[in-house]
Amino acid sequence: MLKTQELSISDEVNVFFNDPADRLDLNHGLREMLKRPWRELLVQVPVRMDDDGQVRVFNGSRVQHNAARGPYYGGVRYHPEADLEEVRALASLMTWRLHWWTCHMQAPRAEFKWAQRSFPQAS
């Protein structure tokens, strides 16, 4: 019986990258360079809470995947379970999803994703 190894979300995204890379016969070094984000920023944001006045620290991350075709483009995700691995995957997806648009429209654009780990207010 074959055991399937559970893939991380970034590995799942890279599966979509590998098929076109195979068709283009990209070498290993170039594939590794294209899969990796250009920049990652991790921050801790202290916030004084309205309900009890205590300070809570929230973690945030921004991943800039690739700016080869112009300025970064992306979105913000607020979720209690947002983590760096997910943000990396979303930024990579934006790169490959928007690549077609930028090539055909001749518009410079690059991709990023930002996530802020936040918690819903308790009632």
PDB file of N, CA and C in Angstrom:
ATOM      1  N   MET A   1       0.841  -1.182   0.000  1.00  0.00           N
ATOM      2  CA  MET A   1       0.000   0.000   0.000  1.00  0.00           C
ATOM      3  C   MET A   1       0.887   1.247   0.000  1.00  0.00           C
ATOM      4  N   LEU A   2       0.584   2.187  -0.849  1.00  0.00           N
ATOM      5  CA  LEU A   2       1.355   3.416  -0.946  1.00  0.00           C
ATOM      6  C   LEU A   2       0.919   4.406   0.114  1.00  0.00           C
ATOM      7  N   LYS A   3       1.880   4.960   0.817  1.00  0.00           N
ATOM      8  CA  LYS A   3       1.577   6.015   1.780  1.00  0.00           C
ATOM      9  C   LYS A   3       1.760   7.348   1.076  1.00  0.00           C
ATOM     10  N   THR A   4       0.749   8.190   1.176  1.00  0.00           N
ATOM     11  CA  THR A   4       0.879   9.512   0.569  1.00  0.00           C
ATOM     12  C   THR A   4       1.386  10.480   1.614  1.00  0.00           C
ATOM     13  N   GLN A   5       2.410  11.198   1.245  1.00  0.00           N
ATOM     14  CA  GLN A   5       2.983  12.188   2.151  1.00  0.00           C
ATOM     15  C   GLN A   5       2.150  13.456   2.040  1.00  0.00           C
ATOM     16  N   GLU A   6       1.770  14.001   3.181  1.00  0.00           N
ATOM     17  CA  GLU A   6       0.984  15.226   3.172  1.00  0.00           C
ATOM     18  C   GLU A   6       1.883  16.393   2.768  1.00  0.00           C
ATOM     19  N   LEU A   7       1.446  17.133   1.763  1.00  0.00           N
ATOM     20  CA  LEU A   7       2.215  18.263   1.260  1.00  0.00           C
ATOM     21  C   LEU A   7       1.830  19.539   1.993  1.00  0.00           C
ATOM     22  N   SER A   8       2.806  20.418   2.169  1.00  0.00           N
ATOM     23  CA  SER A   8       2.495  21.740   2.699  1.00  0.00           C
ATOM     24  C   SER A   8       1.775  22.517   1.607  1.00  0.00           C
ATOM     25  N   ILE A   9       1.126  23.611   1.984  1.00  0.00           N
ATOM     26  CA  ILE A   9       0.403  24.409   0.999  1.00  0.00           C
ATOM     27  C   ILE A   9       1.362  24.979  -0.050  1.00  0.00           C
ATOM     28  N   SER A  10       2.578  25.341   0.358  1.00  0.00           N
ATOM     29  CA  SER A  10       3.573  25.830  -0.609  1.00  0.00           C
ATOM     30  C   SER A  10       3.965  24.735  -1.596  1.00  0.00           C
ATOM     31  N   ASP A  11       4.113  23.510  -1.106  1.00  0.00           N
ATOM     32  CA  ASP A  11       4.444  22.393  -1.992  1.00  0.00           C
ATOM     33  C   ASP A  11       3.309  22.123  -2.980  1.00  0.00           C
ATOM     34  N   GLU A  12       2.061  22.262  -2.516  1.00  0.00           N
ATOM     35  CA  GLU A  12       0.917  22.075  -3.403  1.00  0.00           C
ATOM     36  C   GLU A  12       0.924  23.109  -4.520  1.00  0.00           C
ATOM     37  N   VAL A  13       1.234  24.355  -4.180  1.00  0.00           N
ATOM     38  CA  VAL A  13       1.306  25.413  -5.191  1.00  0.00           C
ATOM     39  C   VAL A  13       2.417  25.112  -6.184  1.00  0.00           C
ATOM     40  N   ASN A  14       3.540  24.624  -5.699  1.00  0.00           N
ATOM     41  CA  ASN A  14       4.668  24.335  -6.589  1.00  0.00           C
ATOM     42  C   ASN A  14       4.375  23.198  -7.562  1.00  0.00           C
ATOM     43  N   VAL A  15       3.412  22.341  -7.229  1.00  0.00           N
ATOM     44  CA  VAL A  15       2.996  21.301  -8.166  1.00  0.00           C
ATOM     45  C   VAL A  15       2.475  21.961  -9.443  1.00  0.00           C
ATOM     46  N   PHE A  16       1.734  23.074  -9.303  1.00  0.00           N
ATOM     47  CA  PHE A  16       1.218  23.793 -10.471  1.00  0.00           C
ATOM     48  C   PHE A  16       2.339  24.462 -11.267  1.00  0.00           C
ATOM     49  N   PHE A  17       3.418  24.787 -10.600  1.00  0.00           N
ATOM     50  CA  PHE A  17       4.571  25.396 -11.270  1.00  0.00           C
ATOM     51  C   PHE A  17       5.363  24.350 -12.053  1.00  0.00           C
ATOM     52  N   ASN A  18       5.443  23.144 -11.520  1.00  0.00           N
ATOM     53  CA  ASN A  18       6.317  22.120 -12.103  1.00  0.00           C
ATOM     54  C   ASN A  18       5.909  21.691 -13.509  1.00  0.00           C
ATOM     55  N   ASP A  19       4.606  21.621 -13.801  1.00  0.00           N
ATOM     56  CA  ASP A  19       4.171  21.179 -15.131  1.00  0.00           C
ATOM     57  C   ASP A  19       4.652  22.133 -16.229  1.00  0.00           C
ATOM     58  N   PRO A  20       4.394  23.437 -16.121  1.00  0.00           N
ATOM     59  CA  PRO A  20       4.940  24.340 -17.145  1.00  0.00           C
ATOM     60  C   PRO A  20       6.474  24.353 -17.162  1.00  0.00           C
ATOM     61  N   ALA A  21       7.092  24.220 -15.986  1.00  0.00           N
ATOM     62  CA  ALA A  21       8.558  24.200 -15.934  1.00  0.00           C
ATOM     63  C   ALA A  21       9.105  22.984 -16.677  1.00  0.00           C
ATOM     64  N   ASP A  22       8.412  21.847 -16.563  1.00  0.00           N
ATOM     65  CA  ASP A  22       8.808  20.649 -17.314  1.00  0.00           C
ATOM     66  C   ASP A  22       8.678  20.889 -18.816  1.00  0.00           C
ATOM     67  N   ARG A  23       7.575  21.515 -19.213  1.00  0.00           N
ATOM     68  CA  ARG A  23       7.350  21.773 -20.640  1.00  0.00           C
ATOM     69  C   ARG A  23       8.406  22.713 -21.215  1.00  0.00           C
ATOM     70  N   LEU A  24       8.873  23.650 -20.380  1.00  0.00           N
ATOM     71  CA  LEU A  24       9.905  24.590 -20.821  1.00  0.00           C
ATOM     72  C   LEU A  24      11.314  24.035 -20.643  1.00  0.00           C
ATOM     73  N   ASP A  25      11.403  22.858 -20.018  1.00  0.00           N
ATOM     74  CA  ASP A  25      12.685  22.206 -19.754  1.00  0.00           C
ATOM     75  C   ASP A  25      13.623  23.118 -18.950  1.00  0.00           C
ATOM     76  N   LEU A  26      13.069  23.750 -17.907  1.00  0.00           N
ATOM     77  CA  LEU A  26      13.878  24.621 -17.041  1.00  0.00           C
ATOM     78  C   LEU A  26      14.824  23.779 -16.198  1.00  0.00           C
ATOM     79  N   ASN A  27      16.049  24.248 -16.034  1.00  0.00           N
ATOM     80  CA  ASN A  27      16.999  23.500 -15.212  1.00  0.00           C
ATOM     81  C   ASN A  27      16.663  23.668 -13.727  1.00  0.00           C
ATOM     82  N   HIS A  28      17.236  22.817 -12.914  1.00  0.00           N
ATOM     83  CA  HIS A  28      16.918  22.766 -11.487  1.00  0.00           C
ATOM     84  C   HIS A  28      17.185  24.098 -10.779  1.00  0.00           C
ATOM     85  N   GLY A  29      18.314  24.716 -11.068  1.00  0.00           N
ATOM     86  CA  GLY A  29      18.668  25.973 -10.402  1.00  0.00           C
ATOM     87  C   GLY A  29      17.673  27.083 -10.681  1.00  0.00           C
ATOM     88  N   LEU A  30      17.246  27.202 -11.926  1.00  0.00           N
ATOM     89  CA  LEU A  30      16.272  28.226 -12.290  1.00  0.00           C
ATOM     90  C   LEU A  30      14.921  27.952 -11.641  1.00  0.00           C
ATOM     91  N   ARG A  31      14.527  26.688 -11.587  1.00  0.00           N
ATOM     92  CA  ARG A  31      13.266  26.323 -10.917  1.00  0.00           C
ATOM     93  C   ARG A  31      13.291  26.741  -9.449  1.00  0.00           C
ATOM     94  N   GLU A  32      14.385  26.434  -8.770  1.00  0.00           N
ATOM     95  CA  GLU A  32      14.489  26.778  -7.350  1.00  0.00           C
ATOM     96  C   GLU A  32      14.442  28.287  -7.141  1.00  0.00           C
ATOM     97  N   MET A  33      15.083  29.030  -8.022  1.00  0.00           N
ATOM     98  CA  MET A  33      15.073  30.484  -7.912  1.00  0.00           C
ATOM     99  C   MET A  33      13.657  31.035  -8.115  1.00  0.00           C
ATOM    100  N   LEU A  34      12.927  30.519  -9.093  1.00  0.00           N
ATOM    101  CA  LEU A  34      11.585  31.013  -9.378  1.00  0.00           C
ATOM    102  C   LEU A  34      10.567  30.621  -8.312  1.00  0.00           C
ATOM    103  N   LYS A  35      10.783  29.519  -7.624  1.00  0.00           N
ATOM    104  CA  LYS A  35       9.853  29.076  -6.585  1.00  0.00           C
ATOM    105  C   LYS A  35       9.973  29.896  -5.307  1.00  0.00           C
ATOM    106  N   ARG A  36      11.129  30.442  -5.050  1.00  0.00           N
ATOM    107  CA  ARG A  36      11.373  31.127  -3.774  1.00  0.00           C
ATOM    108  C   ARG A  36      10.956  32.595  -3.841  1.00  0.00           C
ATOM    109  N   PRO A  37      10.389  33.103  -2.729  1.00  0.00           N
ATOM    110  CA  PRO A  37      10.030  34.524  -2.694  1.00  0.00           C
ATOM    111  C   PRO A  37      11.265  35.411  -2.630  1.00  0.00           C
ATOM    112  N   TRP A  38      11.142  36.632  -3.150  1.00  0.00           N
ATOM    113  CA  TRP A  38      12.247  37.585  -3.126  1.00  0.00           C
ATOM    114  C   TRP A  38      12.435  38.166  -1.738  1.00  0.00           C
ATOM    115  N   ARG A  39      11.331  38.434  -1.040  1.00  0.00           N
ATOM    116  CA  ARG A  39      11.427  39.057   0.289  1.00  0.00           C
ATOM    117  C   ARG A  39      10.354  38.493   1.208  1.00  0.00           C
ATOM    118  N   GLU A  40      10.695  38.457   2.499  1.00  0.00           N
ATOM    119  CA  GLU A  40       9.726  38.115   3.544  1.00  0.00           C
ATOM    120  C   GLU A  40       9.929  39.078   4.697  1.00  0.00           C
ATOM    121  N   LEU A  41       8.842  39.623   5.192  1.00  0.00           N
ATOM    122  CA  LEU A  41       8.898  40.547   6.316  1.00  0.00           C
ATOM    123  C   LEU A  41       8.006  39.999   7.421  1.00  0.00           C
ATOM    124  N   LEU A  42       8.574  39.820   8.601  1.00  0.00           N
ATOM    125  CA  LEU A  42       7.817  39.364   9.765  1.00  0.00           C
ATOM    126  C   LEU A  42       7.750  40.510  10.762  1.00  0.00           C
ATOM    127  N   VAL A  43       6.558  40.775  11.280  1.00  0.00           N
ATOM    128  CA  VAL A  43       6.385  41.875  12.230  1.00  0.00           C
ATOM    129  C   VAL A  43       5.564  41.406  13.422  1.00  0.00           C
ATOM    130  N   GLN A  44       5.743  42.121  14.533  1.00  0.00           N
ATOM    131  CA  GLN A  44       4.906  41.943  15.714  1.00  0.00           C
ATOM    132  C   GLN A  44       4.284  43.306  15.998  1.00  0.00           C
ATOM    133  N   VAL A  45       2.955  43.337  16.090  1.00  0.00           N
ATOM    134  CA  VAL A  45       2.240  44.594  16.267  1.00  0.00           C
ATOM    135  C   VAL A  45       1.557  44.590  17.634  1.00  0.00           C
ATOM    136  N   PRO A  46       2.026  45.437  18.582  1.00  0.00           N
ATOM    137  CA  PRO A  46       1.356  45.523  19.879  1.00  0.00           C
ATOM    138  C   PRO A  46       0.089  46.375  19.755  1.00  0.00           C
ATOM    139  N   VAL A  47      -1.005  45.876  20.319  1.00  0.00           N
ATOM    140  CA  VAL A  47      -2.290  46.575  20.253  1.00  0.00           C
ATOM    141  C   VAL A  47      -2.899  46.615  21.643  1.00  0.00           C
ATOM    142  N   ARG A  48      -3.285  47.824  22.089  1.00  0.00           N
ATOM    143  CA  ARG A  48      -4.008  47.952  23.351  1.00  0.00           C
ATOM    144  C   ARG A  48      -5.475  47.647  23.062  1.00  0.00           C
ATOM    145  N   MET A  49      -6.002  46.668  23.757  1.00  0.00           N
ATOM    146  CA  MET A  49      -7.362  46.211  23.511  1.00  0.00           C
ATOM    147  C   MET A  49      -8.366  47.141  24.191  1.00  0.00           C
ATOM    148  N   ASP A  50      -9.477  47.417  23.512  1.00  0.00           N
ATOM    149  CA  ASP A  50     -10.520  48.292  24.055  1.00  0.00           C
ATOM    150  C   ASP A  50     -11.249  47.661  25.230  1.00  0.00           C
ATOM    151  N   ASP A  51     -11.471  46.358  25.170  1.00  0.00           N
ATOM    152  CA  ASP A  51     -12.305  45.714  26.177  1.00  0.00           C
ATOM    153  C   ASP A  51     -11.668  45.642  27.561  1.00  0.00           C
ATOM    154  N   ASP A  52     -10.380  45.356  27.648  1.00  0.00           N
ATOM    155  CA  ASP A  52      -9.760  45.231  28.974  1.00  0.00           C
ATOM    156  C   ASP A  52      -8.518  46.105  29.153  1.00  0.00           C
ATOM    157  N   GLY A  53      -8.114  46.827  28.131  1.00  0.00           N
ATOM    158  CA  GLY A  53      -6.972  47.732  28.245  1.00  0.00           C
ATOM    159  C   GLY A  53      -5.611  47.058  28.205  1.00  0.00           C
ATOM    160  N   GLN A  54      -5.579  45.743  28.124  1.00  0.00           N
ATOM    161  CA  GLN A  54      -4.303  45.040  28.070  1.00  0.00           C
ATOM    162  C   GLN A  54      -3.724  45.106  26.661  1.00  0.00           C
ATOM    163  N   VAL A  55      -2.416  44.947  26.588  1.00  0.00           N
ATOM    164  CA  VAL A  55      -1.736  44.957  25.297  1.00  0.00           C
ATOM    165  C   VAL A  55      -1.577  43.520  24.811  1.00  0.00           C
ATOM    166  N   ARG A  56      -1.995  43.289  23.571  1.00  0.00           N
ATOM    167  CA  ARG A  56      -1.783  41.989  22.924  1.00  0.00           C
ATOM    168  C   ARG A  56      -0.873  42.211  21.728  1.00  0.00           C
ATOM    169  N   VAL A  57      -0.031  41.241  21.465  1.00  0.00           N
ATOM    170  CA  VAL A  57       0.892  41.334  20.339  1.00  0.00           C
ATOM    171  C   VAL A  57       0.413  40.380  19.246  1.00  0.00           C
ATOM    172  N   PHE A  58       0.208  40.941  18.059  1.00  0.00           N
ATOM    173  CA  PHE A  58      -0.229  40.161  16.905  1.00  0.00           C
ATOM    174  C   PHE A  58       0.942  40.019  15.937  1.00  0.00           C
ATOM    175  N   ASN A  59       1.061  38.830  15.352  1.00  0.00           N
ATOM    176  CA  ASN A  59       2.117  38.563  14.377  1.00  0.00           C
ATOM    177  C   ASN A  59       1.586  38.819  12.974  1.00  0.00           C
ATOM    178  N   GLY A  60       2.431  39.360  12.132  1.00  0.00           N
ATOM    179  CA  GLY A  60       2.070  39.587  10.736  1.00  0.00           C
ATOM    180  C   GLY A  60       3.226  39.198   9.842  1.00  0.00           C
ATOM    181  N   SER A  61       2.916  38.899   8.603  1.00  0.00           N
ATOM    182  CA  SER A  61       3.967  38.562   7.646  1.00  0.00           C
ATOM    183  C   SER A  61       3.581  39.079   6.269  1.00  0.00           C
ATOM    184  N   ARG A  62       4.579  39.509   5.531  1.00  0.00           N
ATOM    185  CA  ARG A  62       4.391  39.954   4.150  1.00  0.00           C
ATOM    186  C   ARG A  62       5.415  39.217   3.303  1.00  0.00           C
ATOM    187  N   VAL A  63       4.937  38.625   2.240  1.00  0.00           N
ATOM    188  CA  VAL A  63       5.815  37.905   1.323  1.00  0.00           C
ATOM    189  C   VAL A  63       5.709  38.575  -0.040  1.00  0.00           C
ATOM    190  N   GLN A  64       6.853  38.971  -0.573  1.00  0.00           N
ATOM    191  CA  GLN A  64       6.923  39.534  -1.917  1.00  0.00           C
ATOM    192  C   GLN A  64       7.575  38.470  -2.791  1.00  0.00           C
ATOM    193  N   HIS A  65       6.774  37.863  -3.635  1.00  0.00           N
ATOM    194  CA  HIS A  65       7.252  36.691  -4.362  1.00  0.00           C
ATOM    195  C   HIS A  65       8.173  37.035  -5.517  1.00  0.00           C
ATOM    196  N   ASN A  66       7.752  37.935  -6.407  1.00  0.00           N
ATOM    197  CA  ASN A  66       8.569  38.201  -7.585  1.00  0.00           C
ATOM    198  C   ASN A  66       8.201  39.563  -8.167  1.00  0.00           C
ATOM    199  N   ALA A  67       9.193  40.408  -8.402  1.00  0.00           N
ATOM    200  CA  ALA A  67       8.957  41.747  -8.955  1.00  0.00           C
ATOM    201  C   ALA A  67       9.631  41.916 -10.313  1.00  0.00           C
ATOM    202  N   ALA A  68       9.863  40.831 -11.006  1.00  0.00           N
ATOM    203  CA  ALA A  68      10.566  40.913 -12.284  1.00  0.00           C
ATOM    204  C   ALA A  68       9.796  41.732 -13.314  1.00  0.00           C
ATOM    205  N   ARG A  69       8.467  41.754 -13.216  1.00  0.00           N
ATOM    206  CA  ARG A  69       7.661  42.458 -14.216  1.00  0.00           C
ATOM    207  C   ARG A  69       7.099  43.779 -13.708  1.00  0.00           C
ATOM    208  N   GLY A  70       7.550  44.264 -12.563  1.00  0.00           N
ATOM    209  CA  GLY A  70       7.082  45.567 -12.105  1.00  0.00           C
ATOM    210  C   GLY A  70       6.760  45.596 -10.625  1.00  0.00           C
ATOM    211  N   PRO A  71       6.029  46.636 -10.168  1.00  0.00           N
ATOM    212  CA  PRO A  71       5.743  46.799  -8.743  1.00  0.00           C
ATOM    213  C   PRO A  71       4.878  45.656  -8.199  1.00  0.00           C
ATOM    214  N   TYR A  72       4.984  45.444  -6.893  1.00  0.00           N
ATOM    215  CA  TYR A  72       4.235  44.358  -6.253  1.00  0.00           C
ATOM    216  C   TYR A  72       2.746  44.652  -6.239  1.00  0.00           C
ATOM    217  N   TYR A  73       1.952  43.594  -6.274  1.00  0.00           N
ATOM    218  CA  TYR A  73       0.498  43.676  -6.265  1.00  0.00           C
ATOM    219  C   TYR A  73       0.004  42.560  -5.361  1.00  0.00           C
ATOM    220  N   GLY A  74      -1.020  42.801  -4.571  1.00  0.00           N
ATOM    221  CA  GLY A  74      -1.511  41.730  -3.718  1.00  0.00           C
ATOM    222  C   GLY A  74      -2.619  42.182  -2.809  1.00  0.00           C
ATOM    223  N   GLY A  75      -2.817  41.449  -1.740  1.00  0.00           N
ATOM    224  CA  GLY A  75      -3.913  41.715  -0.834  1.00  0.00           C
ATOM    225  C   GLY A  75      -3.518  41.478   0.603  1.00  0.00           C
ATOM    226  N   VAL A  76      -4.497  41.661   1.478  1.00  0.00           N
ATOM    227  CA  VAL A  76      -4.296  41.496   2.914  1.00  0.00           C
ATOM    228  C   VAL A  76      -5.255  40.424   3.407  1.00  0.00           C
ATOM    229  N   ARG A  77      -4.788  39.574   4.289  1.00  0.00           N
ATOM    230  CA  ARG A  77      -5.626  38.523   4.872  1.00  0.00           C
ATOM    231  C   ARG A  77      -5.535  38.627   6.384  1.00  0.00           C
ATOM    232  N   TYR A  78      -6.687  38.788   7.046  1.00  0.00           N
ATOM    233  CA  TYR A  78      -6.765  38.801   8.506  1.00  0.00           C
ATOM    234  C   TYR A  78      -7.437  37.504   8.941  1.00  0.00           C
ATOM    235  N   HIS A  79      -6.712  36.690   9.653  1.00  0.00           N
ATOM    236  CA  HIS A  79      -7.276  35.413  10.094  1.00  0.00           C
ATOM    237  C   HIS A  79      -6.464  34.895  11.269  1.00  0.00           C
ATOM    238  N   PRO A  80      -7.123  34.296  12.269  1.00  0.00           N
ATOM    239  CA  PRO A  80      -6.383  33.816  13.444  1.00  0.00           C
ATOM    240  C   PRO A  80      -5.386  32.703  13.132  1.00  0.00           C
ATOM    241  N   GLU A  81      -5.580  31.981  12.049  1.00  0.00           N
ATOM    242  CA  GLU A  81      -4.679  30.880  11.728  1.00  0.00           C
ATOM    243  C   GLU A  81      -3.744  31.192  10.558  1.00  0.00           C
ATOM    244  N   ALA A  82      -3.697  32.450  10.126  1.00  0.00           N
ATOM    245  CA  ALA A  82      -2.790  32.819   9.028  1.00  0.00           C
ATOM    246  C   ALA A  82      -1.349  32.607   9.486  1.00  0.00           C
ATOM    247  N   ASP A  83      -0.548  31.988   8.634  1.00  0.00           N
ATOM    248  CA  ASP A  83       0.858  31.774   8.978  1.00  0.00           C
ATOM    249  C   ASP A  83       1.737  32.020   7.754  1.00  0.00           C
ATOM    250  N   LEU A  84       3.026  32.031   7.980  1.00  0.00           N
ATOM    251  CA  LEU A  84       3.986  32.359   6.929  1.00  0.00           C
ATOM    252  C   LEU A  84       3.899  31.386   5.757  1.00  0.00           C
ATOM    253  N   GLU A  85       3.725  30.125   6.030  1.00  0.00           N
ATOM    254  CA  GLU A  85       3.643  29.117   4.967  1.00  0.00           C
ATOM    255  C   GLU A  85       2.474  29.416   4.020  1.00  0.00           C
ATOM    256  N   GLU A  86       1.330  29.769   4.595  1.00  0.00           N
ATOM    257  CA  GLU A  86       0.155  30.090   3.784  1.00  0.00           C
ATOM    258  C   GLU A  86       0.394  31.356   2.955  1.00  0.00           C
ATOM    259  N   VAL A  87       1.016  32.353   3.568  1.00  0.00           N
ATOM    260  CA  VAL A  87       1.270  33.613   2.871  1.00  0.00           C
ATOM    261  C   VAL A  87       2.242  33.396   1.714  1.00  0.00           C
ATOM    262  N   ARG A  88       3.250  32.562   1.928  1.00  0.00           N
ATOM    263  CA  ARG A  88       4.179  32.223   0.840  1.00  0.00           C
ATOM    264  C   ARG A  88       3.419  31.603  -0.341  1.00  0.00           C
ATOM    265  N   ALA A  89       2.540  30.674  -0.020  1.00  0.00           N
ATOM    266  CA  ALA A  89       1.784  29.991  -1.070  1.00  0.00           C
ATOM    267  C   ALA A  89       0.871  30.957  -1.816  1.00  0.00           C
ATOM    268  N   LEU A  90       0.186  31.834  -1.095  1.00  0.00           N
ATOM    269  CA  LEU A  90      -0.719  32.784  -1.740  1.00  0.00           C
ATOM    270  C   LEU A  90       0.040  33.764  -2.627  1.00  0.00           C
ATOM    271  N   ALA A  91       1.197  34.217  -2.170  1.00  0.00           N
ATOM    272  CA  ALA A  91       2.004  35.132  -2.981  1.00  0.00           C
ATOM    273  C   ALA A  91       2.490  34.436  -4.254  1.00  0.00           C
ATOM    274  N   SER A  92       2.905  33.185  -4.123  1.00  0.00           N
ATOM    275  CA  SER A  92       3.352  32.425  -5.285  1.00  0.00           C
ATOM    276  C   SER A  92       2.204  32.224  -6.272  1.00  0.00           C
ATOM    277  N   LEU A  93       1.029  31.879  -5.755  1.00  0.00           N
ATOM    278  CA  LEU A  93      -0.139  31.709  -6.623  1.00  0.00           C
ATOM    279  C   LEU A  93      -0.439  32.986  -7.398  1.00  0.00           C
ATOM    280  N   MET A  94      -0.329  34.121  -6.728  1.00  0.00           N
ATOM    281  CA  MET A  94      -0.594  35.387  -7.408  1.00  0.00           C
ATOM    282  C   MET A  94       0.415  35.616  -8.529  1.00  0.00           C
ATOM    283  N   THR A  95       1.660  35.229  -8.309  1.00  0.00           N
ATOM    284  CA  THR A  95       2.666  35.382  -9.360  1.00  0.00           C
ATOM    285  C   THR A  95       2.263  34.599 -10.594  1.00  0.00           C
ATOM    286  N   TRP A  96       1.938  33.327 -10.418  1.00  0.00           N
ATOM    287  CA  TRP A  96       1.649  32.477 -11.576  1.00  0.00           C
ATOM    288  C   TRP A  96       0.283  32.788 -12.166  1.00  0.00           C
ATOM    289  N   ARG A  97      -0.673  33.171 -11.346  1.00  0.00           N
ATOM    290  CA  ARG A  97      -2.008  33.492 -11.849  1.00  0.00           C
ATOM    291  C   ARG A  97      -1.980  34.771 -12.675  1.00  0.00           C
ATOM    292  N   LEU A  98      -1.265  35.780 -12.197  1.00  0.00           N
ATOM    293  CA  LEU A  98      -1.246  37.062 -12.888  1.00  0.00           C
ATOM    294  C   LEU A  98      -0.208  37.119 -14.001  1.00  0.00           C
ATOM    295  N   HIS A  99       0.642  36.121 -14.098  1.00  0.00           N
ATOM    296  CA  HIS A  99       1.665  36.128 -15.142  1.00  0.00           C
ATOM    297  C   HIS A  99       1.031  36.201 -16.527  1.00  0.00           C
ATOM    298  N   TRP A 100      -0.020  35.419 -16.750  1.00  0.00           N
ATOM    299  CA  TRP A 100      -0.682  35.438 -18.048  1.00  0.00           C
ATOM    300  C   TRP A 100      -1.175  36.843 -18.361  1.00  0.00           C
ATOM    301  N   TRP A 101      -1.814  37.488 -17.380  1.00  0.00           N
ATOM    302  CA  TRP A 101      -2.370  38.827 -17.595  1.00  0.00           C
ATOM    303  C   TRP A 101      -1.271  39.821 -17.940  1.00  0.00           C
ATOM    304  N   THR A 102      -0.184  39.808 -17.217  1.00  0.00           N
ATOM    305  CA  THR A 102       0.879  40.783 -17.462  1.00  0.00           C
ATOM    306  C   THR A 102       1.559  40.548 -18.804  1.00  0.00           C
ATOM    307  N   CYS A 103       1.707  39.300 -19.197  1.00  0.00           N
ATOM    308  CA  CYS A 103       2.345  39.011 -20.486  1.00  0.00           C
ATOM    309  C   CYS A 103       1.477  39.471 -21.648  1.00  0.00           C
ATOM    310  N   HIS A 104       0.193  39.201 -21.560  1.00  0.00           N
ATOM    311  CA  HIS A 104      -0.690  39.517 -22.677  1.00  0.00           C
ATOM    312  C   HIS A 104      -1.104  40.982 -22.719  1.00  0.00           C
ATOM    313  N   MET A 105      -1.154  41.632 -21.572  1.00  0.00           N
ATOM    314  CA  MET A 105      -1.553  43.038 -21.540  1.00  0.00           C
ATOM    315  C   MET A 105      -0.342  43.967 -21.548  1.00  0.00           C
ATOM    316  N   GLN A 106       0.863  43.396 -21.472  1.00  0.00           N
ATOM    317  CA  GLN A 106       2.099  44.190 -21.447  1.00  0.00           C
ATOM    318  C   GLN A 106       2.100  45.198 -20.304  1.00  0.00           C
ATOM    319  N   ALA A 107       1.535  44.820 -19.174  1.00  0.00           N
ATOM    320  CA  ALA A 107       1.470  45.715 -18.015  1.00  0.00           C
ATOM    321  C   ALA A 107       2.421  45.204 -16.948  1.00  0.00           C
ATOM    322  N   PRO A 108       3.293  46.062 -16.420  1.00  0.00           N
ATOM    323  CA  PRO A 108       4.190  45.615 -15.353  1.00  0.00           C
ATOM    324  C   PRO A 108       3.414  45.369 -14.069  1.00  0.00           C
ATOM    325  N   ARG A 109       3.696  44.268 -13.416  1.00  0.00           N
ATOM    326  CA  ARG A 109       3.013  43.954 -12.176  1.00  0.00           C
ATOM    327  C   ARG A 109       3.796  42.857 -11.470  1.00  0.00           C
ATOM    328  N   ALA A 110       3.896  42.963 -10.159  1.00  0.00           N
ATOM    329  CA  ALA A 110       4.521  41.914  -9.357  1.00  0.00           C
ATOM    330  C   ALA A 110       3.568  41.590  -8.218  1.00  0.00           C
ATOM    331  N   GLU A 111       3.855  40.564  -7.471  1.00  0.00           N
ATOM    332  CA  GLU A 111       2.883  40.061  -6.518  1.00  0.00           C
ATOM    333  C   GLU A 111       3.430  40.003  -5.106  1.00  0.00           C
ATOM    334  N   PHE A 112       2.552  40.265  -4.154  1.00  0.00           N
ATOM    335  CA  PHE A 112       2.875  40.087  -2.748  1.00  0.00           C
ATOM    336  C   PHE A 112       1.616  39.632  -2.037  1.00  0.00           C
ATOM    337  N   LYS A 113       1.779  39.175  -0.827  1.00  0.00           N
ATOM    338  CA  LYS A 113       0.643  38.857   0.026  1.00  0.00           C
ATOM    339  C   LYS A 113       1.026  39.249   1.433  1.00  0.00           C
ATOM    340  N   TRP A 114       0.075  39.806   2.170  1.00  0.00           N
ATOM    341  CA  TRP A 114       0.254  40.224   3.557  1.00  0.00           C
ATOM    342  C   TRP A 114      -0.777  39.492   4.393  1.00  0.00           C
ATOM    343  N   ALA A 115      -0.387  39.022   5.553  1.00  0.00           N
ATOM    344  CA  ALA A 115      -1.342  38.401   6.472  1.00  0.00           C
ATOM    345  C   ALA A 115      -1.090  38.920   7.866  1.00  0.00           C
ATOM    346  N   GLN A 116      -2.142  39.229   8.552  1.00  0.00           N
ATOM    347  CA  GLN A 116      -2.079  39.661   9.943  1.00  0.00           C
ATOM    348  C   GLN A 116      -2.837  38.633  10.750  1.00  0.00           C
ATOM    349  N   ARG A 117      -2.169  38.031  11.694  1.00  0.00           N
ATOM    350  CA  ARG A 117      -2.840  37.065  12.552  1.00  0.00           C
ATOM    351  C   ARG A 117      -3.698  37.851  13.525  1.00  0.00           C
ATOM    352  N   SER A 118      -4.999  37.659  13.452  1.00  0.00           N
ATOM    353  CA  SER A 118      -5.911  38.403  14.312  1.00  0.00           C
ATOM    354  C   SER A 118      -6.903  37.434  14.938  1.00  0.00           C
ATOM    355  N   PHE A 119      -7.535  37.890  15.984  1.00  0.00           N
ATOM    356  CA  PHE A 119      -8.439  37.038  16.728  1.00  0.00           C
ATOM    357  C   PHE A 119      -9.788  37.727  16.847  1.00  0.00           C
ATOM    358  N   PRO A 120     -10.875  37.005  16.582  1.00  0.00           N
ATOM    359  CA  PRO A 120     -12.192  37.622  16.706  1.00  0.00           C
ATOM    360  C   PRO A 120     -12.463  38.006  18.156  1.00  0.00           C
ATOM    361  N   GLN A 121     -13.241  39.061  18.309  1.00  0.00           N
ATOM    362  CA  GLN A 121     -13.554  39.542  19.652  1.00  0.00           C
ATOM    363  C   GLN A 121     -14.444  38.524  20.359  1.00  0.00           C
ATOM    364  N   ALA A 122     -14.086  38.199  21.579  1.00  0.00           N
ATOM    365  CA  ALA A 122     -14.886  37.258  22.365  1.00  0.00           C
ATOM    366  C   ALA A 122     -16.134  37.961  22.863  1.00  0.00           C
ATOM    367  N   SER A 123     -17.253  37.237  22.848  1.00  0.00           N
ATOM    368  CA  SER A 123     -18.493  37.868  23.317  1.00  0.00           C
ATOM    369  C   SER A 123     -18.847  37.405  24.708  1.00  0.00           C
TER     370      SER A 123
END
